[in-house]
PDB file of N, CA and C in Angstrom:
ATOM      1  N   MET A   1     -11.510 -12.113   3.535  1.00  0.00           N
ATOM      2  CA  MET A   1     -10.742 -11.756   2.349  1.00  0.00           C
ATOM      3  C   MET A   1      -9.364 -12.424   2.364  1.00  0.00           C
ATOM      4  N   PHE A   2      -8.615 -12.271   3.462  1.00  0.00           N
ATOM      5  CA  PHE A   2      -7.300 -12.880   3.578  1.00  0.00           C
ATOM      6  C   PHE A   2      -7.246 -13.716   4.842  1.00  0.00           C
ATOM      7  N   ASP A   3      -6.412 -14.719   4.848  1.00  0.00           N
ATOM      8  CA  ASP A   3      -6.237 -15.576   6.018  1.00  0.00           C
ATOM      9  C   ASP A   3      -5.465 -14.813   7.087  1.00  0.00           C
ATOM     10  N   ASN A   4      -6.080 -14.642   8.258  1.00  0.00           N
ATOM     11  CA  ASN A   4      -5.454 -13.879   9.340  1.00  0.00           C
ATOM     12  C   ASN A   4      -4.194 -14.529   9.888  1.00  0.00           C
ATOM     13  N   HIS A   5      -4.000 -15.815   9.595  1.00  0.00           N
ATOM     14  CA  HIS A   5      -2.810 -16.509  10.085  1.00  0.00           C
ATOM     15  C   HIS A   5      -1.632 -16.333   9.128  1.00  0.00           C
ATOM     16  N   HIS A   6      -1.899 -15.756   7.971  1.00  0.00           N
ATOM     17  CA  HIS A   6      -0.835 -15.511   7.004  1.00  0.00           C
ATOM     18  C   HIS A   6      -0.066 -14.246   7.391  1.00  0.00           C
ATOM     19  N   THR A   7       1.245 -14.275   7.187  1.00  0.00           N
ATOM     20  CA  THR A   7       2.071 -13.114   7.530  1.00  0.00           C
ATOM     21  C   THR A   7       2.891 -12.618   6.334  1.00  0.00           C
ATOM     22  N   ILE A   8       2.915 -13.374   5.249  1.00  0.00           N
ATOM     23  CA  ILE A   8       3.679 -13.007   4.052  1.00  0.00           C
ATOM     24  C   ILE A   8       2.689 -12.713   2.931  1.00  0.00           C
ATOM     25  N   TYR A   9       2.995 -11.716   2.119  1.00  0.00           N
ATOM     26  CA  TYR A   9       2.114 -11.413   0.993  1.00  0.00           C
ATOM     27  C   TYR A   9       2.942 -11.094  -0.246  1.00  0.00           C
ATOM     28  N   ALA A  10       2.316 -11.265  -1.395  1.00  0.00           N
ATOM     29  CA  ALA A  10       2.916 -10.907  -2.679  1.00  0.00           C
ATOM     30  C   ALA A  10       1.897 -10.086  -3.450  1.00  0.00           C
ATOM     31  N   VAL A  11       2.299  -8.881  -3.831  1.00  0.00           N
ATOM     32  CA  VAL A  11       1.457  -8.001  -4.632  1.00  0.00           C
ATOM     33  C   VAL A  11       1.917  -8.142  -6.083  1.00  0.00           C
ATOM     34  N   PHE A  12       1.032  -8.624  -6.940  1.00  0.00           N
ATOM     35  CA  PHE A  12       1.326  -8.790  -8.359  1.00  0.00           C
ATOM     36  C   PHE A  12       0.766  -7.570  -9.092  1.00  0.00           C
ATOM     37  N   PHE A  13       1.596  -6.911  -9.886  1.00  0.00           N
ATOM     38  CA  PHE A  13       1.118  -5.738 -10.614  1.00  0.00           C
ATOM     39  C   PHE A  13       1.839  -5.598 -11.944  1.00  0.00           C
ATOM     40  N   THR A  14       1.237  -4.814 -12.814  1.00  0.00           N
ATOM     41  CA  THR A  14       1.755  -4.596 -14.158  1.00  0.00           C
ATOM     42  C   THR A  14       1.992  -3.110 -14.372  1.00  0.00           C
ATOM     43  N   ILE A  15       3.129  -2.794 -14.945  1.00  0.00           N
ATOM     44  CA  ILE A  15       3.430  -1.428 -15.372  1.00  0.00           C
ATOM     45  C   ILE A  15       3.359  -1.446 -16.894  1.00  0.00           C
ATOM     46  N   SER A  16       2.472  -0.611 -17.471  1.00  0.00           N
ATOM     47  CA  SER A  16       2.175  -0.732 -18.904  1.00  0.00           C
ATOM     48  C   SER A  16       3.161  -0.003 -19.808  1.00  0.00           C
ATOM     49  N   SER A  17       3.907   0.974 -19.281  1.00  0.00           N
ATOM     50  CA  SER A  17       4.950   1.596 -20.114  1.00  0.00           C
ATOM     51  C   SER A  17       6.129   1.973 -19.231  1.00  0.00           C
ATOM     52  N   ASP A  18       7.312   1.979 -19.827  1.00  0.00           N
ATOM     53  CA  ASP A  18       8.539   2.275 -19.076  1.00  0.00           C
ATOM     54  C   ASP A  18       8.368   3.565 -18.280  1.00  0.00           C
ATOM     55  N   VAL A  19       8.864   3.550 -17.050  1.00  0.00           N
ATOM     56  CA  VAL A  19       8.753   4.733 -16.205  1.00  0.00           C
ATOM     57  C   VAL A  19      10.028   4.845 -15.356  1.00  0.00           C
ATOM     58  N   THR A  20      10.498   6.080 -15.182  1.00  0.00           N
ATOM     59  CA  THR A  20      11.648   6.344 -14.317  1.00  0.00           C
ATOM     60  C   THR A  20      11.119   6.976 -13.047  1.00  0.00           C
ATOM     61  N   VAL A  21      11.476   6.386 -11.907  1.00  0.00           N
ATOM     62  CA  VAL A  21      10.915   6.815 -10.627  1.00  0.00           C
ATOM     63  C   VAL A  21      12.037   6.966  -9.602  1.00  0.00           C
ATOM     64  N   GLU A  22      11.951   8.029  -8.816  1.00  0.00           N
ATOM     65  CA  GLU A  22      12.847   8.199  -7.674  1.00  0.00           C
ATOM     66  C   GLU A  22      12.230   7.438  -6.504  1.00  0.00           C
ATOM     67  N   VAL A  23      12.957   6.462  -5.983  1.00  0.00           N
ATOM     68  CA  VAL A  23      12.458   5.598  -4.918  1.00  0.00           C
ATOM     69  C   VAL A  23      13.156   5.985  -3.611  1.00  0.00           C
ATOM     70  N   GLY A  24      12.621   7.003  -2.960  1.00  0.00           N
ATOM     71  CA  GLY A  24      13.162   7.429  -1.679  1.00  0.00           C
ATOM     72  C   GLY A  24      14.673   7.576  -1.707  1.00  0.00           C
ATOM     73  N   LYS A  25      15.332   7.041  -0.687  1.00  0.00           N
ATOM     74  CA  LYS A  25      16.785   7.142  -0.562  1.00  0.00           C
ATOM     75  C   LYS A  25      17.527   6.128  -1.437  1.00  0.00           C
ATOM     76  N   LEU A  26      16.787   5.183  -2.046  1.00  0.00           N
ATOM     77  CA  LEU A  26      17.435   4.182  -2.899  1.00  0.00           C
ATOM     78  C   LEU A  26      18.024   4.801  -4.163  1.00  0.00           C
ATOM     79  N   GLY A  27      17.350   5.827  -4.701  1.00  0.00           N
ATOM     80  CA  GLY A  27      17.801   6.462  -5.936  1.00  0.00           C
ATOM     81  C   GLY A  27      16.726   6.441  -6.999  1.00  0.00           C
ATOM     82  N   THR A  28      17.125   6.791  -8.224  1.00  0.00           N
ATOM     83  CA  THR A  28      16.208   6.867  -9.355  1.00  0.00           C
ATOM     84  C   THR A  28      16.464   5.686 -10.281  1.00  0.00           C
ATOM     85  N   PHE A  29      15.379   5.023 -10.678  1.00  0.00           N
ATOM     86  CA  PHE A  29      15.502   3.796 -11.466  1.00  0.00           C
ATOM     87  C   PHE A  29      14.490   3.763 -12.592  1.00  0.00           C
ATOM     88  N   LEU A  30      14.880   3.056 -13.672  1.00  0.00           N
ATOM     89  CA  LEU A  30      13.962   2.795 -14.770  1.00  0.00           C
ATOM     90  C   LEU A  30      13.228   1.488 -14.475  1.00  0.00           C
ATOM     91  N   PHE A  31      11.924   1.553 -14.491  1.00  0.00           N
ATOM     92  CA  PHE A  31      11.087   0.361 -14.334  1.00  0.00           C
ATOM     93  C   PHE A  31      10.472   0.085 -15.699  1.00  0.00           C
ATOM     94  N   PRO A  32      10.979  -0.959 -16.401  1.00  0.00           N
ATOM     95  CA  PRO A  32      10.439  -1.251 -17.730  1.00  0.00           C
ATOM     96  C   PRO A  32       9.017  -1.795 -17.647  1.00  0.00           C
ATOM     97  N   SER A  33       8.291  -1.634 -18.732  1.00  0.00           N
ATOM     98  CA  SER A  33       6.940  -2.193 -18.754  1.00  0.00           C
ATOM     99  C   SER A  33       7.043  -3.699 -18.568  1.00  0.00           C
ATOM    100  N   GLY A  34       6.059  -4.254 -17.894  1.00  0.00           N
ATOM    101  CA  GLY A  34       6.045  -5.691 -17.639  1.00  0.00           C
ATOM    102  C   GLY A  34       5.371  -5.998 -16.320  1.00  0.00           C
ATOM    103  N   ASN A  35       5.605  -7.202 -15.845  1.00  0.00           N
ATOM    104  CA  ASN A  35       4.956  -7.690 -14.630  1.00  0.00           C
ATOM    105  C   ASN A  35       5.920  -7.675 -13.457  1.00  0.00           C
ATOM    106  N   TYR A  36       5.364  -7.393 -12.296  1.00  0.00           N
ATOM    107  CA  TYR A  36       6.163  -7.285 -11.082  1.00  0.00           C
ATOM    108  C   TYR A  36       5.488  -8.032  -9.938  1.00  0.00           C
ATOM    109  N   ILE A  37       6.306  -8.484  -9.016  1.00  0.00           N
ATOM    110  CA  ILE A  37       5.815  -9.055  -7.763  1.00  0.00           C
ATOM    111  C   ILE A  37       6.597  -8.389  -6.646  1.00  0.00           C
ATOM    112  N   TYR A  38       5.866  -7.814  -5.702  1.00  0.00           N
ATOM    113  CA  TYR A  38       6.487  -7.225  -4.516  1.00  0.00           C
ATOM    114  C   TYR A  38       6.158  -8.133  -3.337  1.00  0.00           C
ATOM    115  N   VAL A  39       7.179  -8.627  -2.663  1.00  0.00           N
ATOM    116  CA  VAL A  39       6.984  -9.540  -1.534  1.00  0.00           C
ATOM    117  C   VAL A  39       7.224  -8.787  -0.238  1.00  0.00           C
ATOM    118  N   GLY A  40       6.267  -8.905   0.672  1.00  0.00           N
ATOM    119  CA  GLY A  40       6.380  -8.230   1.960  1.00  0.00           C
ATOM    120  C   GLY A  40       5.825  -9.096   3.068  1.00  0.00           C
ATOM    121  N   SER A  41       5.860  -8.547   4.273  1.00  0.00           N
ATOM    122  CA  SER A  41       5.315  -9.276   5.413  1.00  0.00           C
ATOM    123  C   SER A  41       4.661  -8.304   6.376  1.00  0.00           C
ATOM    124  N   ALA A  42       3.726  -8.831   7.132  1.00  0.00           N
ATOM    125  CA  ALA A  42       3.046  -8.061   8.176  1.00  0.00           C
ATOM    126  C   ALA A  42       2.794  -9.031   9.319  1.00  0.00           C
ATOM    127  N   LYS A  43       3.434  -8.798  10.431  1.00  0.00           N
ATOM    128  CA  LYS A  43       3.292  -9.715  11.576  1.00  0.00           C
ATOM    129  C   LYS A  43       1.859  -9.721  12.111  1.00  0.00           C
ATOM    130  N   ARG A  44       1.191  -8.560  11.985  1.00  0.00           N
ATOM    131  CA  ARG A  44      -0.205  -8.495  12.404  1.00  0.00           C
ATOM    132  C   ARG A  44      -0.981  -7.609  11.434  1.00  0.00           C
ATOM    133  N   ASN A  45      -2.246  -7.900  11.328  1.00  0.00           N
ATOM    134  CA  ASN A  45      -3.168  -7.141  10.476  1.00  0.00           C
ATOM    135  C   ASN A  45      -2.694  -7.012   9.030  1.00  0.00           C
ATOM    136  N   ILE A  46      -2.510  -8.153   8.411  1.00  0.00           N
ATOM    137  CA  ILE A  46      -2.041  -8.199   7.023  1.00  0.00           C
ATOM    138  C   ILE A  46      -3.037  -7.517   6.068  1.00  0.00           C
ATOM    139  N   GLN A  47      -4.347  -7.583   6.408  1.00  0.00           N
ATOM    140  CA  GLN A  47      -5.356  -6.957   5.535  1.00  0.00           C
ATOM    141  C   GLN A  47      -5.127  -5.456   5.406  1.00  0.00           C
ATOM    142  N   SER A  48      -4.838  -4.784   6.528  1.00  0.00           N
ATOM    143  CA  SER A  48      -4.686  -3.330   6.451  1.00  0.00           C
ATOM    144  C   SER A  48      -3.409  -2.963   5.700  1.00  0.00           C
ATOM    145  N   ARG A  49      -2.354  -3.785   5.814  1.00  0.00           N
ATOM    146  CA  ARG A  49      -1.126  -3.518   5.052  1.00  0.00           C
ATOM    147  C   ARG A  49      -1.409  -3.643   3.563  1.00  0.00           C
ATOM    148  N   ILE A  50      -2.131  -4.681   3.167  1.00  0.00           N
ATOM    149  CA  ILE A  50      -2.442  -4.884   1.755  1.00  0.00           C
ATOM    150  C   ILE A  50      -3.361  -3.779   1.238  1.00  0.00           C
ATOM    151  N   ARG A  51      -4.365  -3.417   2.033  1.00  0.00           N
ATOM    152  CA  ARG A  51      -5.264  -2.313   1.640  1.00  0.00           C
ATOM    153  C   ARG A  51      -4.463  -1.033   1.416  1.00  0.00           C
ATOM    154  N   ARG A  52      -3.485  -0.791   2.289  1.00  0.00           N
ATOM    155  CA  ARG A  52      -2.659   0.405   2.154  1.00  0.00           C
ATOM    156  C   ARG A  52      -1.874   0.367   0.849  1.00  0.00           C
ATOM    157  N   HIS A  53      -1.289  -0.780   0.526  1.00  0.00           N
ATOM    158  CA  HIS A  53      -0.526  -0.903  -0.717  1.00  0.00           C
ATOM    159  C   HIS A  53      -1.409  -0.658  -1.938  1.00  0.00           C
ATOM    160  N   MET A  54      -2.689  -0.971  -1.832  1.00  0.00           N
ATOM    161  CA  MET A  54      -3.592  -0.800  -2.970  1.00  0.00           C
ATOM    162  C   MET A  54      -3.970   0.667  -3.189  1.00  0.00           C
ATOM    163  N   GLN A  55      -3.901   1.475  -2.150  1.00  0.00           N
ATOM    164  CA  GLN A  55      -4.247   2.898  -2.267  1.00  0.00           C
ATOM    165  C   GLN A  55      -3.217   3.632  -3.125  1.00  0.00           C
ATOM    166  N   LEU A  56      -3.688   4.624  -3.855  1.00  0.00           N
ATOM    167  CA  LEU A  56      -2.784   5.430  -4.674  1.00  0.00           C
ATOM    168  C   LEU A  56      -2.307   6.661  -3.901  1.00  0.00           C
ATOM    169  N   GLU A  57      -3.201   7.289  -3.173  1.00  0.00           N
ATOM    170  CA  GLU A  57      -2.858   8.514  -2.445  1.00  0.00           C
ATOM    171  C   GLU A  57      -2.480   8.171  -1.010  1.00  0.00           C
ATOM    172  N   LYS A  58      -1.211   8.375  -0.677  1.00  0.00           N
ATOM    173  CA  LYS A  58      -0.764   8.103   0.695  1.00  0.00           C
ATOM    174  C   LYS A  58       0.637   8.662   0.885  1.00  0.00           C
ATOM    175  N   ARG A  59       1.034   8.791   2.140  1.00  0.00           N
ATOM    176  CA  ARG A  59       2.393   9.197   2.458  1.00  0.00           C
ATOM    177  C   ARG A  59       3.310   8.038   2.076  1.00  0.00           C
ATOM    178  N   LYS A  60       4.431   8.349   1.464  1.00  0.00           N
ATOM    179  CA  LYS A  60       5.344   7.289   1.017  1.00  0.00           C
ATOM    180  C   LYS A  60       6.168   6.773   2.195  1.00  0.00           C
ATOM    181  N   ARG A  61       5.933   5.508   2.525  1.00  0.00           N
ATOM    182  CA  ARG A  61       6.598   4.887   3.663  1.00  0.00           C
ATOM    183  C   ARG A  61       7.425   3.672   3.248  1.00  0.00           C
ATOM    184  N   TRP A  62       6.888   2.881   2.329  1.00  0.00           N
ATOM    185  CA  TRP A  62       7.584   1.689   1.829  1.00  0.00           C
ATOM    186  C   TRP A  62       8.015   1.945   0.397  1.00  0.00           C
ATOM    187  N   HIS A  63       9.026   1.196  -0.060  1.00  0.00           N
ATOM    188  CA  HIS A  63       9.523   1.370  -1.428  1.00  0.00           C
ATOM    189  C   HIS A  63       8.412   1.214  -2.460  1.00  0.00           C
ATOM    190  N   ILE A  64       7.507   0.277  -2.234  1.00  0.00           N
ATOM    191  CA  ILE A  64       6.431   0.062  -3.215  1.00  0.00           C
ATOM    192  C   ILE A  64       5.545   1.308  -3.369  1.00  0.00           C
ATOM    193  N   ASP A  65       5.474   2.143  -2.341  1.00  0.00           N
ATOM    194  CA  ASP A  65       4.645   3.350  -2.413  1.00  0.00           C
ATOM    195  C   ASP A  65       5.080   4.271  -3.557  1.00  0.00           C
ATOM    196  N   TYR A  66       6.359   4.246  -3.904  1.00  0.00           N
ATOM    197  CA  TYR A  66       6.882   5.132  -4.942  1.00  0.00           C
ATOM    198  C   TYR A  66       6.480   4.696  -6.347  1.00  0.00           C
ATOM    199  N   ILE A  67       6.358   3.387  -6.559  1.00  0.00           N
ATOM    200  CA  ILE A  67       6.001   2.924  -7.913  1.00  0.00           C
ATOM    201  C   ILE A  67       4.534   2.523  -8.030  1.00  0.00           C
ATOM    202  N   ARG A  68       3.839   2.452  -6.915  1.00  0.00           N
ATOM    203  CA  ARG A  68       2.430   2.045  -6.928  1.00  0.00           C
ATOM    204  C   ARG A  68       1.573   2.866  -7.895  1.00  0.00           C
ATOM    205  N   PRO A  69       1.742   4.201  -7.980  1.00  0.00           N
ATOM    206  CA  PRO A  69       0.894   4.971  -8.898  1.00  0.00           C
ATOM    207  C   PRO A  69       1.067   4.590 -10.369  1.00  0.00           C
ATOM    208  N   TYR A  70       2.159   3.917 -10.725  1.00  0.00           N
ATOM    209  CA  TYR A  70       2.440   3.571 -12.116  1.00  0.00           C
ATOM    210  C   TYR A  70       2.010   2.150 -12.466  1.00  0.00           C
ATOM    211  N   GLY A  71       1.594   1.389 -11.451  1.00  0.00           N
ATOM    212  CA  GLY A  71       1.250  -0.004 -11.683  1.00  0.00           C
ATOM    213  C   GLY A  71      -0.209  -0.310 -11.430  1.00  0.00           C
ATOM    214  N   GLU A  72      -0.704  -1.289 -12.156  1.00  0.00           N
ATOM    215  CA  GLU A  72      -2.077  -1.778 -11.974  1.00  0.00           C
ATOM    216  C   GLU A  72      -1.986  -3.122 -11.252  1.00  0.00           C
ATOM    217  N   ILE A  73      -2.529  -3.178 -10.029  1.00  0.00           N
ATOM    218  CA  ILE A  73      -2.470  -4.425  -9.263  1.00  0.00           C
ATOM    219  C   ILE A  73      -3.394  -5.449  -9.906  1.00  0.00           C
ATOM    220  N   THR A  74      -2.855  -6.629 -10.207  1.00  0.00           N
ATOM    221  CA  THR A  74      -3.650  -7.682 -10.817  1.00  0.00           C
ATOM    222  C   THR A  74      -4.203  -8.625  -9.754  1.00  0.00           C
ATOM    223  N   HIS A  75      -3.397  -8.937  -8.746  1.00  0.00           N
ATOM    224  CA  HIS A  75      -3.896  -9.716  -7.616  1.00  0.00           C
ATOM    225  C   HIS A  75      -2.883  -9.712  -6.476  1.00  0.00           C
ATOM    226  N   VAL A  76      -3.355 -10.164  -5.328  1.00  0.00           N
ATOM    227  CA  VAL A  76      -2.523 -10.268  -4.134  1.00  0.00           C
ATOM    228  C   VAL A  76      -2.669 -11.686  -3.606  1.00  0.00           C
ATOM    229  N   GLN A  77      -1.553 -12.280  -3.241  1.00  0.00           N
ATOM    230  CA  GLN A  77      -1.549 -13.629  -2.676  1.00  0.00           C
ATOM    231  C   GLN A  77      -0.941 -13.556  -1.282  1.00  0.00           C
ATOM    232  N   THR A  78      -1.562 -14.238  -0.322  1.00  0.00           N
ATOM    233  CA  THR A  78      -0.969 -14.293   1.020  1.00  0.00           C
ATOM    234  C   THR A  78      -0.487 -15.712   1.300  1.00  0.00           C
ATOM    235  N   TYR A  79       0.472 -15.803   2.213  1.00  0.00           N
ATOM    236  CA  TYR A  79       1.101 -17.085   2.518  1.00  0.00           C
ATOM    237  C   TYR A  79       1.304 -17.224   4.025  1.00  0.00           C
ATOM    238  N   SER A  80       1.315 -18.476   4.485  1.00  0.00           N
ATOM    239  CA  SER A  80       1.678 -18.733   5.874  1.00  0.00           C
ATOM    240  C   SER A  80       3.177 -18.480   6.012  1.00  0.00           C
ATOM    241  N   SER A  81       3.675 -18.534   7.231  1.00  0.00           N
ATOM    242  CA  SER A  81       5.092 -18.237   7.445  1.00  0.00           C
ATOM    243  C   SER A  81       5.984 -19.474   7.353  1.00  0.00           C
ATOM    244  N   GLU A  82       5.503 -20.527   6.647  1.00  0.00           N
ATOM    245  CA  GLU A  82       6.358 -21.718   6.485  1.00  0.00           C
ATOM    246  C   GLU A  82       7.651 -21.338   5.776  1.00  0.00           C
ATOM    247  N   LEU A  83       7.576 -20.399   4.830  1.00  0.00           N
ATOM    248  CA  LEU A  83       8.764 -19.795   4.232  1.00  0.00           C
ATOM    249  C   LEU A  83       8.837 -18.362   4.731  1.00  0.00           C
ATOM    250  N   SER A  84      10.038 -17.881   5.009  1.00  0.00           N
ATOM    251  CA  SER A  84      10.200 -16.487   5.432  1.00  0.00           C
ATOM    252  C   SER A  84       9.919 -15.570   4.246  1.00  0.00           C
ATOM    253  N   GLU A  85       9.806 -14.293   4.503  1.00  0.00           N
ATOM    254  CA  GLU A  85       9.613 -13.311   3.432  1.00  0.00           C
ATOM    255  C   GLU A  85      10.737 -13.453   2.399  1.00  0.00           C
ATOM    256  N   CYS A  86      11.960 -13.610   2.862  1.00  0.00           N
ATOM    257  CA  CYS A  86      13.124 -13.737   1.973  1.00  0.00           C
ATOM    258  C   CYS A  86      13.061 -15.027   1.153  1.00  0.00           C
ATOM    259  N   GLU A  87      12.720 -16.131   1.804  1.00  0.00           N
ATOM    260  CA  GLU A  87      12.613 -17.407   1.103  1.00  0.00           C
ATOM    261  C   GLU A  87      11.475 -17.378   0.079  1.00  0.00           C
ATOM    262  N   ARG A  88      10.364 -16.720   0.434  1.00  0.00           N
ATOM    263  CA  ARG A  88       9.224 -16.621  -0.484  1.00  0.00           C
ATOM    264  C   ARG A  88       9.611 -15.794  -1.712  1.00  0.00           C
ATOM    265  N   ALA A  89      10.341 -14.701  -1.506  1.00  0.00           N
ATOM    266  CA  ALA A  89      10.783 -13.878  -2.636  1.00  0.00           C
ATOM    267  C   ALA A  89      11.658 -14.702  -3.577  1.00  0.00           C
ATOM    268  N   GLN A  90      12.560 -15.495  -3.012  1.00  0.00           N
ATOM    269  CA  GLN A  90      13.442 -16.348  -3.805  1.00  0.00           C
ATOM    270  C   GLN A  90      12.634 -17.405  -4.572  1.00  0.00           C
ATOM    271  N   GLN A  91      11.652 -17.992  -3.895  1.00  0.00           N
ATOM    272  CA  GLN A  91      10.812 -19.021  -4.506  1.00  0.00           C
ATOM    273  C   GLN A  91      10.004 -18.443  -5.671  1.00  0.00           C
ATOM    274  N   LEU A  92       9.423 -17.258  -5.479  1.00  0.00           N
ATOM    275  CA  LEU A  92       8.638 -16.626  -6.547  1.00  0.00           C
ATOM    276  C   LEU A  92       9.526 -16.197  -7.711  1.00  0.00           C
ATOM    277  N   LEU A  93      10.729 -15.738  -7.411  1.00  0.00           N
ATOM    278  CA  LEU A  93      11.693 -15.371  -8.456  1.00  0.00           C
ATOM    279  C   LEU A  93      11.931 -16.558  -9.379  1.00  0.00           C
ATOM    280  N   GLN A  94      12.147 -17.725  -8.792  1.00  0.00           N
ATOM    281  CA  GLN A  94      12.402 -18.932  -9.586  1.00  0.00           C
ATOM    282  C   GLN A  94      11.135 -19.395 -10.297  1.00  0.00           C
ATOM    283  N   GLN A  95      10.013 -19.379  -9.585  1.00  0.00           N
ATOM    284  CA  GLN A  95       8.749 -19.846 -10.163  1.00  0.00           C
ATOM    285  C   GLN A  95       8.361 -19.047 -11.407  1.00  0.00           C
ATOM    286  N   TYR A  96       8.563 -17.725 -11.353  1.00  0.00           N
ATOM    287  CA  TYR A  96       8.167 -16.862 -12.468  1.00  0.00           C
ATOM    288  C   TYR A  96       9.327 -16.555 -13.411  1.00  0.00           C
ATOM    289  N   LYS A  97      10.483 -17.201 -13.182  1.00  0.00           N
ATOM    290  CA  LYS A  97      11.679 -16.965 -13.996  1.00  0.00           C
ATOM    291  C   LYS A  97      11.959 -15.467 -14.095  1.00  0.00           C
ATOM    292  N   GLY A  98      11.899 -14.815 -12.952  1.00  0.00           N
ATOM    293  CA  GLY A  98      12.053 -13.374 -12.891  1.00  0.00           C
ATOM    294  C   GLY A  98      13.486 -12.923 -12.672  1.00  0.00           C
ATOM    295  N   THR A  99      13.642 -11.622 -12.573  1.00  0.00           N
ATOM    296  CA  THR A  99      14.940 -11.021 -12.279  1.00  0.00           C
ATOM    297  C   THR A  99      14.740  -9.921 -11.238  1.00  0.00           C
ATOM    298  N   TRP A 100      15.836  -9.615 -10.552  1.00  0.00           N
ATOM    299  CA  TRP A 100      15.846  -8.481  -9.623  1.00  0.00           C
ATOM    300  C   TRP A 100      16.268  -7.260 -10.437  1.00  0.00           C
ATOM    301  N   LEU A 101      15.575  -6.143 -10.281  1.00  0.00           N
ATOM    302  CA  LEU A 101      15.953  -4.926 -11.005  1.00  0.00           C
ATOM    303  C   LEU A 101      16.625  -3.906 -10.102  1.00  0.00           C
ATOM    304  N   VAL A 102      16.107  -3.743  -8.894  1.00  0.00           N
ATOM    305  CA  VAL A 102      16.556  -2.667  -8.012  1.00  0.00           C
ATOM    306  C   VAL A 102      17.084  -3.253  -6.713  1.00  0.00           C
ATOM    307  N   LYS A 103      18.373  -3.063  -6.490  1.00  0.00           N
ATOM    308  CA  LYS A 103      19.012  -3.585  -5.286  1.00  0.00           C
ATOM    309  C   LYS A 103      18.406  -2.937  -4.043  1.00  0.00           C
ATOM    310  N   LYS A 104      18.075  -3.771  -3.064  1.00  0.00           N
ATOM    311  CA  LYS A 104      17.536  -3.382  -1.753  1.00  0.00           C
ATOM    312  C   LYS A 104      16.087  -2.901  -1.794  1.00  0.00           C
ATOM    313  N   PHE A 105      15.397  -3.049  -2.932  1.00  0.00           N
ATOM    314  CA  PHE A 105      13.989  -2.644  -3.016  1.00  0.00           C
ATOM    315  C   PHE A 105      13.167  -3.583  -2.143  1.00  0.00           C
ATOM    316  N   GLY A 106      12.587  -3.049  -1.085  1.00  0.00           N
ATOM    317  CA  GLY A 106      11.775  -3.847  -0.173  1.00  0.00           C
ATOM    318  C   GLY A 106      12.586  -4.765   0.717  1.00  0.00           C
ATOM    319  N   SER A 107      13.910  -4.659   0.649  1.00  0.00           N
ATOM    320  CA  SER A 107      14.755  -5.579   1.417  1.00  0.00           C
ATOM    321  C   SER A 107      15.869  -4.849   2.159  1.00  0.00           C
ATOM    322  N   SER A 108      15.592  -3.627   2.589  1.00  0.00           N
ATOM    323  CA  SER A 108      16.627  -2.859   3.280  1.00  0.00           C
ATOM    324  C   SER A 108      16.913  -3.407   4.677  1.00  0.00           C
ATOM    325  N   ASP A 109      16.023  -4.272   5.188  1.00  0.00           N
ATOM    326  CA  ASP A 109      16.231  -4.819   6.539  1.00  0.00           C
ATOM    327  C   ASP A 109      16.679  -6.281   6.517  1.00  0.00           C
ATOM    328  N   CYS A 110      17.182  -6.751   5.360  1.00  0.00           N
ATOM    329  CA  CYS A 110      17.687  -8.130   5.277  1.00  0.00           C
ATOM    330  C   CYS A 110      18.861  -8.161   4.305  1.00  0.00           C
ATOM    331  N   HIS A 111      19.376  -9.348   4.027  1.00  0.00           N
ATOM    332  CA  HIS A 111      20.542  -9.476   3.152  1.00  0.00           C
ATOM    333  C   HIS A 111      20.184  -9.820   1.711  1.00  0.00           C
ATOM    334  N   CYS A 112      18.896  -9.852   1.396  1.00  0.00           N
ATOM    335  CA  CYS A 112      18.470 -10.181   0.030  1.00  0.00           C
ATOM    336  C   CYS A 112      18.868  -9.071  -0.938  1.00  0.00           C
ATOM    337  N   PHE A 113      19.034  -9.449  -2.206  1.00  0.00           N
ATOM    338  CA  PHE A 113      19.294  -8.442  -3.234  1.00  0.00           C
ATOM    339  C   PHE A 113      18.088  -7.510  -3.352  1.00  0.00           C
ATOM    340  N   SER A 114      16.887  -8.105  -3.355  1.00  0.00           N
ATOM    341  CA  SER A 114      15.655  -7.328  -3.545  1.00  0.00           C
ATOM    342  C   SER A 114      14.457  -8.175  -3.166  1.00  0.00           C
ATOM    343  N   HIS A 115      13.321  -7.518  -2.931  1.00  0.00           N
ATOM    344  CA  HIS A 115      12.051  -8.225  -2.772  1.00  0.00           C
ATOM    345  C   HIS A 115      11.073  -7.791  -3.867  1.00  0.00           C
ATOM    346  N   LEU A 116      11.614  -7.184  -4.914  1.00  0.00           N
ATOM    347  CA  LEU A 116      10.806  -6.796  -6.073  1.00  0.00           C
ATOM    348  C   LEU A 116      11.277  -7.631  -7.259  1.00  0.00           C
ATOM    349  N   ILE A 117      10.360  -8.399  -7.809  1.00  0.00           N
ATOM    350  CA  ILE A 117      10.663  -9.303  -8.915  1.00  0.00           C
ATOM    351  C   ILE A 117      10.044  -8.742 -10.193  1.00  0.00           C
ATOM    352  N   TYR A 118      10.833  -8.784 -11.263  1.00  0.00           N
ATOM    353  CA  TYR A 118      10.347  -8.367 -12.572  1.00  0.00           C
ATOM    354  C   TYR A 118      10.312  -9.597 -13.466  1.00  0.00           C
ATOM    355  N   TYR A 119       9.209  -9.756 -14.220  1.00  0.00           N
ATOM    356  CA  TYR A 119       9.136 -10.854 -15.198  1.00  0.00           C
ATOM    357  C   TYR A 119       8.288 -10.419 -16.375  1.00  0.00           C
ATOM    358  N   LYS A 120       8.574 -10.999 -17.526  1.00  0.00           N
ATOM    359  CA  LYS A 120       7.853 -10.634 -18.764  1.00  0.00           C
ATOM    360  C   LYS A 120       6.486 -11.283 -18.799  1.00  0.00           C
TER     361      LYS A 120
END
């Protein structure tokens, strides 16, 4: 299903109507309807991390867990580590002409503004 040598992934999903969600300690945010890309990494067993993100019922551990019930996953793409998780998020932001909506979403352990991209 996924390349075991890949360590970076992007979850593409759509939220069909505006929703306000409390995202753990980050706070409460409005997520407008549209398309999103969540960029993450898994040093090992990327398949199980992606499978977990696809589940609706689970303990909330990552920021994406809070908005996952409101989004329909359209596809998941995995990448080798030629670009870091941060560089990949930046590259996808530019490629999809996206914007960052929520500061530190998925990026609490780095200096990026966010790892959640919103695009129309």
